[in-house]
Amino acid sequence: MAPESDRPLFYHLIYVAEACAGGGGCSNSVAQRLHAHFGTNSAEVAMLARVLGGPPYSSRFMDLTSSCGLWAWKRRFRRAAFAVAISCFGRSQL
C-alpha cells in the first residue's frame, strides 16, 4: 500500500510489525474477529494481520473523503468480513 500512499514507507513497515504482533497473538486466542473502529490506519493493520494469517476483521468507515485515497478504502473494504457505515451517505459511498 505504500507506493500509492502519501505516507513514507517507514509508516507502512510499522503497520506490518503491528500486524505481526497483533495478528499473531489472536491466532492462539478465542478471538473470532478483529474490529478496527476506524477505517484508516487501524483498518490497514487489521487487514495486514488478516493477510498474514490472522482472524477476519471488520471496520467502521466514516470519512471516505479524507486524504487517505480511494484506493486504500477499496482495499480495506474488500478484504473486511463486514463494514459499518455511520450514515446513509457513507453507506452509499461504500
C-alpha atoms as a PDB file:
ATOM      1  CA  MET A   1       0.000   0.000   0.000  1.00  0.00           C
ATOM      2  CA  ALA A   2       2.992   2.274   0.434  1.00  0.00           C
ATOM      3  CA  PRO A   3       3.602   3.187  -3.242  1.00  0.00           C
ATOM      4  CA  GLU A   4       0.156   4.752  -3.554  1.00  0.00           C
ATOM      5  CA  SER A   5       0.139   6.421  -0.143  1.00  0.00           C
ATOM      6  CA  ASP A   6       1.084   9.913   0.930  1.00  0.00           C
ATOM      7  CA  ARG A   7       2.881   8.427   3.953  1.00  0.00           C
ATOM      8  CA  PRO A   8       6.517   7.251   3.765  1.00  0.00           C
ATOM      9  CA  LEU A   9       7.370   3.559   3.542  1.00  0.00           C
ATOM     10  CA  PHE A  10       8.577   3.615   7.155  1.00  0.00           C
ATOM     11  CA  TYR A  11       4.994   4.018   8.442  1.00  0.00           C
ATOM     12  CA  HIS A  12       3.796   1.022   6.449  1.00  0.00           C
ATOM     13  CA  LEU A  13       6.633  -1.110   7.777  1.00  0.00           C
ATOM     14  CA  ILE A  14       5.491  -0.189  11.289  1.00  0.00           C
ATOM     15  CA  TYR A  15       1.955  -1.269  10.319  1.00  0.00           C
ATOM     16  CA  VAL A  16       3.327  -4.642   9.190  1.00  0.00           C
ATOM     17  CA  ALA A  17       5.169  -5.036  12.504  1.00  0.00           C
ATOM     18  CA  GLU A  18       1.974  -4.199  14.411  1.00  0.00           C
ATOM     19  CA  ALA A  19       0.033  -6.690  12.287  1.00  0.00           C
ATOM     20  CA  CYS A  20       2.598  -9.411  13.033  1.00  0.00           C
ATOM     21  CA  ALA A  21       2.447  -8.698  16.758  1.00  0.00           C
ATOM     22  CA  GLY A  22      -1.326  -8.274  16.984  1.00  0.00           C
ATOM     23  CA  GLY A  23      -2.454 -10.807  14.411  1.00  0.00           C
ATOM     24  CA  GLY A  24      -0.151 -13.499  15.679  1.00  0.00           C
ATOM     25  CA  GLY A  25      -1.446 -13.031  19.202  1.00  0.00           C
ATOM     26  CA  CYS A  26      -5.013 -13.503  18.044  1.00  0.00           C
ATOM     27  CA  SER A  27      -4.393 -16.852  16.389  1.00  0.00           C
ATOM     28  CA  ASN A  28      -3.985 -18.617  19.755  1.00  0.00           C
ATOM     29  CA  SER A  29      -6.914 -16.908  21.466  1.00  0.00           C
ATOM     30  CA  VAL A  30     -10.664 -17.277  21.280  1.00  0.00           C
ATOM     31  CA  ALA A  31     -10.953 -14.101  19.194  1.00  0.00           C
ATOM     32  CA  GLN A  32     -13.024 -14.802  16.111  1.00  0.00           C
ATOM     33  CA  ARG A  33     -12.614 -11.367  14.536  1.00  0.00           C
ATOM     34  CA  LEU A  34     -10.643  -8.146  14.899  1.00  0.00           C
ATOM     35  CA  HIS A  35     -12.542  -4.878  14.780  1.00  0.00           C
ATOM     36  CA  ALA A  36     -10.880  -1.689  13.590  1.00  0.00           C
ATOM     37  CA  HIS A  37     -13.008   1.133  14.925  1.00  0.00           C
ATOM     38  CA  PHE A  38     -11.786   3.500  12.217  1.00  0.00           C
ATOM     39  CA  GLY A  39     -11.284   2.666   8.547  1.00  0.00           C
ATOM     40  CA  THR A  40      -7.866   4.323   8.428  1.00  0.00           C
ATOM     41  CA  ASN A  41      -4.566   3.127   9.916  1.00  0.00           C
ATOM     42  CA  SER A  42      -6.136   0.637  12.311  1.00  0.00           C
ATOM     43  CA  ALA A  43      -8.032  -0.966   9.425  1.00  0.00           C
ATOM     44  CA  GLU A  44      -4.780  -1.261   7.496  1.00  0.00           C
ATOM     45  CA  VAL A  45      -3.157  -3.050  10.440  1.00  0.00           C
ATOM     46  CA  ALA A  46      -6.171  -5.371  10.786  1.00  0.00           C
ATOM     47  CA  MET A  47      -6.115  -6.042   7.029  1.00  0.00           C
ATOM     48  CA  LEU A  48      -2.403  -6.866   7.129  1.00  0.00           C
ATOM     49  CA  ALA A  49      -2.948  -9.151  10.129  1.00  0.00           C
ATOM     50  CA  ARG A  50      -5.614 -10.990   8.134  1.00  0.00           C
ATOM     51  CA  VAL A  51      -3.313 -11.314   5.112  1.00  0.00           C
ATOM     52  CA  LEU A  52      -0.624 -12.731   7.421  1.00  0.00           C
ATOM     53  CA  GLY A  53      -2.990 -15.460   8.649  1.00  0.00           C
ATOM     54  CA  GLY A  54      -4.851 -13.676  11.442  1.00  0.00           C
ATOM     55  CA  PRO A  55      -8.598 -13.696  12.017  1.00  0.00           C
ATOM     56  CA  PRO A  56     -11.107 -11.888   9.774  1.00  0.00           C
ATOM     57  CA  TYR A  57     -11.678  -8.233  10.565  1.00  0.00           C
ATOM     58  CA  SER A  58     -14.429  -5.664  10.449  1.00  0.00           C
ATOM     59  CA  SER A  59     -14.234  -1.905  10.278  1.00  0.00           C
ATOM     60  CA  ARG A  60     -16.311   1.236  10.671  1.00  0.00           C
ATOM     61  CA  PHE A  61     -15.946   3.686   7.820  1.00  0.00           C
ATOM     62  CA  MET A  62     -16.926   7.279   8.397  1.00  0.00           C
ATOM     63  CA  ASP A  63     -14.999   9.679   6.178  1.00  0.00           C
ATOM     64  CA  LEU A  64     -14.343   8.392   2.700  1.00  0.00           C
ATOM     65  CA  THR A  65     -13.185  11.812   1.516  1.00  0.00           C
ATOM     66  CA  SER A  66     -10.041  12.023   3.658  1.00  0.00           C
ATOM     67  CA  SER A  67      -6.541  12.273   2.240  1.00  0.00           C
ATOM     68  CA  CYS A  68      -6.163   8.515   2.548  1.00  0.00           C
ATOM     69  CA  GLY A  69      -7.161   7.994  -1.078  1.00  0.00           C
ATOM     70  CA  LEU A  70      -9.953   5.981  -2.619  1.00  0.00           C
ATOM     71  CA  TRP A  71      -7.647   3.051  -3.457  1.00  0.00           C
ATOM     72  CA  ALA A  72      -6.952   2.482   0.253  1.00  0.00           C
ATOM     73  CA  TRP A  73     -10.638   2.482   1.172  1.00  0.00           C
ATOM     74  CA  LYS A  74     -11.388  -0.020  -1.584  1.00  0.00           C
ATOM     75  CA  ARG A  75      -8.679  -2.426  -0.431  1.00  0.00           C
ATOM     76  CA  ARG A  76      -9.678  -2.235   3.226  1.00  0.00           C
ATOM     77  CA  PHE A  77     -13.373  -2.569   2.408  1.00  0.00           C
ATOM     78  CA  ARG A  78     -12.971  -5.519   0.021  1.00  0.00           C
ATOM     79  CA  ARG A  79     -10.893  -7.563   2.448  1.00  0.00           C
ATOM     80  CA  ALA A  80     -13.094  -6.900   5.500  1.00  0.00           C
ATOM     81  CA  ALA A  81     -15.504  -9.560   6.724  1.00  0.00           C
ATOM     82  CA  PHE A  82     -18.002  -6.742   7.051  1.00  0.00           C
ATOM     83  CA  ALA A  83     -18.027  -2.969   7.215  1.00  0.00           C
ATOM     84  CA  VAL A  84     -20.219  -0.466   9.023  1.00  0.00           C
ATOM     85  CA  ALA A  85     -21.056   2.988   7.704  1.00  0.00           C
ATOM     86  CA  ILE A  86     -22.098   5.685  10.162  1.00  0.00           C
ATOM     87  CA  SER A  87     -24.517   7.458   7.845  1.00  0.00           C
ATOM     88  CA  CYS A  88     -26.701   6.893   4.787  1.00  0.00           C
ATOM     89  CA  PHE A  89     -24.242   8.940   2.732  1.00  0.00           C
ATOM     90  CA  GLY A  90     -21.336   6.813   3.936  1.00  0.00           C
ATOM     91  CA  ARG A  91     -23.268   3.649   3.108  1.00  0.00           C
ATOM     92  CA  SER A  92     -23.876   4.938  -0.418  1.00  0.00           C
ATOM     93  CA  GLN A  93     -20.141   5.637  -0.782  1.00  0.00           C
ATOM     94  CA  LEU A  94     -19.194   2.154   0.419  1.00  0.00           C
END
